[in-house]
Every structure is written in C-alpha cells, then in structure tokens.
Amino acid sequence: MLTEFGKVFLFMMLGILVVAGSMIAAWLLRPHRPSHEKLSPYECGEDPVGDSWIRFNIRFYVVALLFLIFDVEVVLLFPWAVVYQDFGWYAFGAMAVFVSLIFIGFAYELGKGDLRWDKPEPHIPRYEKGFGVIEEPVRREEREEVLS
C-alpha cells in the first residue's frame, strides 16, 4: 500500500517518463535536413549583420522597465476593487491618492521623454585645439553628406 508521499513520487516519475518519452520520440521521428537558412541565427526577422558586441538601444530596456513598474501598480487596483465597498470612503480616498501618484509618474515620464521612440540626433565628437573634444549635434545636411 502506497503512502501519500509514494503517490506523489509515482505521479512525478510518471510525468518525467512521459516528457522524456515524448522528447525521445520527437528526436527519432523528426526530419533532419539542415540548410544554410536553418543554420543561420534568427534575429526577429532581421538578417544578423556585423559583430554581436554592439551597443544595444537602451530604449528597449527603459520601456520594458516602465511597463513592469506601471503594470505592477495597476495590478494593485484589482484587489482594491474587490474589497472597495467593505472599507467605504477611506479606501476610495486612499486609492485616489494612489492613482494620482501613478498619473504623476506617468506624466513625469512623458515630460522627460523616456516614452518617445523617435531617434535623437547623433552626436559626433570633434576635437578643437585648446578646447578638447566637443560633442555637438550633427546637422541634417552633414549627416546626408556622410551617408551618401
């Protein structure tokens, strides 16, 4: 007769066997036809060009971080909505302050420009004797000359 732990162990072993068996069967039955296209790395639809050690645009991380911050704050609204009537006007006032702080933070991020996705003007440093390295924005005409 199995104990409760024995049943859990048997269930876990059965799960491991099913997963391992499925993976082995898929490995045995799959076609193996490598090609240049299949062996090349996939970069979200873009052909990988150049070195992989490049400076990655920080906007992706900033937007993801801001999404997580605001998402967690919005998730806190759901439990409040469930127990709102139990606490009355005090809960409404507390949540009004909380939501106003969320909107103030969102307005701050909008004003700071962290949510803009357009590319800023590139800064190409140049050296001037007596002043050192000076960074100034490149005018459109200069950038078009360099690109052409």
Protein backbone atom coordinates (compact mmCIF):
# COMPACT_ATOMS: atom_id res chain seq x y z
CA MET A 1 0.00 0.00 0.00
CA LEU A 2 1.40 3.41 -1.01
CA THR A 3 1.62 6.31 1.35
CA GLU A 4 0.65 9.84 0.27
CA PHE A 5 4.31 10.64 -0.48
CA GLY A 6 4.56 7.43 -2.51
CA LYS A 7 1.63 8.54 -4.68
CA VAL A 8 3.26 11.94 -5.26
CA PHE A 9 6.57 10.25 -6.12
CA LEU A 10 4.82 7.85 -8.51
CA PHE A 11 2.99 10.76 -10.17
CA MET A 12 6.26 12.70 -10.58
CA MET A 13 8.06 9.69 -12.05
CA LEU A 14 5.21 9.08 -14.48
CA GLY A 15 5.34 12.74 -15.56
CA ILE A 16 9.11 12.59 -16.09
CA LEU A 17 8.75 9.39 -18.15
CA VAL A 18 6.01 10.90 -20.34
CA VAL A 19 8.06 14.04 -21.03
CA ALA A 20 11.29 12.10 -21.67
CA GLY A 21 9.46 9.61 -23.90
CA SER A 22 7.85 12.40 -25.91
CA MET A 23 11.18 14.14 -26.43
CA ILE A 24 12.93 10.92 -27.48
CA ALA A 25 10.10 10.04 -29.88
CA ALA A 26 10.21 13.53 -31.40
CA TRP A 27 14.00 13.28 -31.79
CA LEU A 28 13.72 9.90 -33.51
CA LEU A 29 10.84 10.86 -35.83
CA ARG A 30 11.89 14.36 -36.85
CA PRO A 31 13.36 15.01 -40.28
CA HIS A 32 16.99 16.12 -40.29
CA ARG A 33 17.59 18.32 -43.32
CA PRO A 34 19.98 21.15 -42.39
CA SER A 35 20.31 24.08 -44.76
CA HIS A 36 22.04 27.43 -44.72
CA GLU A 37 18.76 29.16 -43.87
CA LYS A 38 18.02 26.85 -40.95
CA LEU A 39 21.54 27.10 -39.52
CA SER A 40 21.65 30.90 -39.56
CA PRO A 41 20.67 32.69 -36.34
CA TYR A 42 17.19 34.18 -36.30
CA GLU A 43 17.05 37.82 -35.20
CA CYS A 44 13.34 38.66 -35.17
CA GLY A 45 13.12 38.69 -38.95
CA GLU A 46 16.29 40.71 -39.41
CA ASP A 47 19.41 39.31 -41.04
CA PRO A 48 22.24 39.42 -38.48
CA VAL A 49 24.95 41.70 -39.80
CA GLY A 50 28.25 42.54 -38.17
CA ASP A 51 29.59 41.84 -34.74
CA SER A 52 27.27 40.76 -31.94
CA TRP A 53 29.07 43.02 -29.45
CA ILE A 54 27.36 46.26 -30.38
CA ARG A 55 25.76 48.92 -28.25
CA PHE A 56 22.13 47.97 -27.89
CA ASN A 57 19.50 50.68 -27.80
CA ILE A 58 18.65 51.34 -24.15
CA ARG A 59 15.07 52.37 -25.03
CA PHE A 60 14.01 48.72 -25.16
CA TYR A 61 15.04 48.22 -21.54
CA VAL A 62 13.59 51.53 -20.38
CA VAL A 63 10.21 50.84 -21.95
CA ALA A 64 10.17 47.29 -20.53
CA LEU A 65 11.08 48.55 -17.06
CA LEU A 66 8.45 51.27 -17.15
CA PHE A 67 5.87 48.75 -18.31
CA LEU A 68 6.69 46.48 -15.37
CA ILE A 69 6.52 49.34 -12.89
CA PHE A 70 3.16 50.64 -14.09
CA ASP A 71 1.82 47.12 -14.62
CA VAL A 72 2.52 46.13 -11.02
CA GLU A 73 0.86 49.30 -9.80
CA VAL A 74 -2.23 48.64 -11.91
CA VAL A 75 -2.38 45.04 -10.63
CA LEU A 76 -2.79 46.50 -7.13
CA LEU A 77 -6.07 48.04 -8.29
CA PHE A 78 -7.79 44.65 -8.67
CA PRO A 79 -7.75 43.58 -5.00
CA TRP A 80 -8.84 47.08 -4.05
CA ALA A 81 -11.81 46.86 -6.42
CA VAL A 82 -12.89 43.58 -4.79
CA VAL A 83 -12.91 44.92 -1.20
CA TYR A 84 -13.76 48.54 -2.02
CA GLN A 85 -17.25 48.51 -0.51
CA ASP A 86 -16.04 46.96 2.75
CA PHE A 87 -13.84 49.97 3.55
CA GLY A 88 -16.02 52.79 2.23
CA TRP A 89 -14.80 56.30 1.53
CA TYR A 90 -11.44 55.76 3.25
CA ALA A 91 -10.48 53.14 0.65
CA PHE A 92 -11.72 55.39 -2.14
CA GLY A 93 -9.57 58.29 -0.91
CA ALA A 94 -6.50 56.10 -0.46
CA MET A 95 -6.88 54.69 -3.95
CA ALA A 96 -7.48 58.17 -5.40
CA VAL A 97 -4.13 59.23 -3.95
CA PHE A 98 -2.51 56.07 -5.30
CA VAL A 99 -3.92 56.52 -8.81
CA SER A 100 -2.98 60.22 -8.81
CA LEU A 101 0.62 59.23 -7.95
CA ILE A 102 0.59 56.77 -10.86
CA PHE A 103 -0.59 59.53 -13.20
CA ILE A 104 2.01 61.96 -11.86
CA GLY A 105 4.73 59.36 -12.52
CA PHE A 106 3.37 58.73 -15.99
CA ALA A 107 3.25 62.46 -16.76
CA TYR A 108 6.83 62.79 -15.48
CA GLU A 109 7.99 60.01 -17.82
CA LEU A 110 6.15 61.63 -20.74
CA GLY A 111 7.68 65.02 -19.95
CA LYS A 112 11.15 63.56 -19.55
CA GLY A 113 10.82 61.96 -23.00
CA ASP A 114 11.53 58.38 -21.97
CA LEU A 115 8.48 57.12 -23.83
CA ARG A 116 9.38 58.77 -27.16
CA TRP A 117 10.60 56.28 -29.69
CA ASP A 118 11.99 58.57 -32.38
CA LYS A 119 15.73 58.60 -32.85
CA PRO A 120 17.65 61.52 -31.38
CA GLU A 121 20.13 63.47 -33.44
CA PRO A 122 23.52 61.72 -33.40
CA HIS A 123 26.36 63.38 -31.54
CA ILE A 124 29.71 63.07 -33.30
CA PRO A 125 32.56 64.34 -31.16
CA ARG A 126 35.19 66.56 -32.75
CA TYR A 127 38.46 67.87 -31.43
CA GLU A 128 39.28 71.56 -31.32
CA LYS A 129 42.71 72.70 -30.32
CA GLY A 130 42.61 74.46 -26.99
CA PHE A 131 39.12 73.19 -26.14
CA GLY A 132 39.44 69.43 -26.38
CA VAL A 133 36.70 67.08 -27.52
CA ILE A 134 33.42 68.85 -28.26
CA GLU A 135 30.17 66.99 -28.85
CA GLU A 136 27.52 68.79 -30.81
CA PRO A 137 24.53 67.59 -32.80
CA VAL A 138 25.09 66.87 -36.47
CA ARG A 139 23.04 68.95 -38.88
CA ARG A 140 20.87 67.08 -41.37
CA GLU A 141 22.91 68.33 -44.32
CA GLU A 142 26.15 66.97 -42.82
CA ARG A 143 24.53 63.64 -42.00
CA GLU A 144 23.20 63.26 -45.57
CA GLU A 145 26.69 64.04 -46.92
CA VAL A 146 28.23 61.37 -44.72
CA LEU A 147 25.58 58.79 -45.65
CA SER A 148 25.86 59.42 -49.41
